[in-house]
Structure formats: C-alpha cells, structure tokens
Amino acid sequence: MQAVALSAIDEYIARRTHKAKVAVALQRVVREEAGVLRRLKDA
C-alpha cells in the first residue's frame, strides 16, 4: 500500500514539474512573439 501511495506521489510531482516547464516555455514563446509583433508594427 505504501508503494502505491509513493508511486502516486511521484506521478503527481512529475505532472506538476511538467506543467511548470510547459508554463515557462509558453511564457518564453509569448514573450518572443510579442517582440516580433512589436518589431513588425514599428517597421
């Protein structure tokens, strides 16, 4: 039973870590795209 609980906790942590990495990557993409759009607007 303890192994099942630990496995579930590990999976939860892995999902949270993945979500955090995806959020960081998405923020980076949005920031870069915003920069491109600003440059196009100013061109």
Protein backbone atom coordinates (compact mmCIF):
# COMPACT_ATOMS: atom_id res chain seq x y z
CA MET A 1 0.00 0.00 0.00
CA GLN A 2 2.81 2.40 0.83
CA ALA A 3 4.47 1.69 -2.53
CA VAL A 4 1.24 2.62 -4.32
CA ALA A 5 1.00 5.88 -2.39
CA LEU A 6 4.63 6.73 -3.09
CA SER A 7 4.15 5.93 -6.77
CA ALA A 8 1.10 8.20 -6.91
CA ILE A 9 3.04 10.99 -5.20
CA ASP A 10 5.91 10.57 -7.67
CA GLU A 11 3.48 10.76 -10.60
CA TYR A 12 1.85 13.87 -9.13
CA ILE A 13 5.23 15.56 -8.69
CA ALA A 14 6.23 14.62 -12.24
CA ARG A 15 2.98 16.08 -13.62
CA ARG A 16 3.43 19.30 -11.64
CA THR A 17 7.04 19.59 -12.81
CA HIS A 18 5.98 19.03 -16.41
CA LYS A 19 3.20 21.63 -16.14
CA ALA A 20 5.66 24.13 -14.69
CA LYS A 21 8.15 23.52 -17.52
CA VAL A 22 5.39 23.89 -20.11
CA ALA A 23 4.25 27.15 -18.50
CA VAL A 24 7.80 28.55 -18.59
CA ALA A 25 8.20 27.54 -22.24
CA LEU A 26 4.84 29.06 -23.13
CA GLN A 27 5.75 32.34 -21.42
CA ARG A 28 9.02 32.42 -23.38
CA VAL A 29 7.22 31.84 -26.68
CA VAL A 30 4.63 34.52 -25.92
CA ARG A 31 7.39 36.97 -24.97
CA GLU A 32 9.31 36.25 -28.18
CA GLU A 33 6.20 36.52 -30.35
CA ALA A 34 5.26 39.81 -28.68
CA GLY A 35 8.71 41.12 -29.58
CA VAL A 36 8.28 40.04 -33.19
CA LEU A 37 4.88 41.73 -33.38
CA ARG A 38 6.29 44.96 -31.90
CA ARG A 39 9.08 44.97 -34.47
CA LEU A 40 6.62 44.37 -37.30
CA LYS A 41 4.40 47.18 -36.03
CA ASP A 42 7.34 49.58 -35.91
CA ALA A 43 8.64 48.59 -39.36
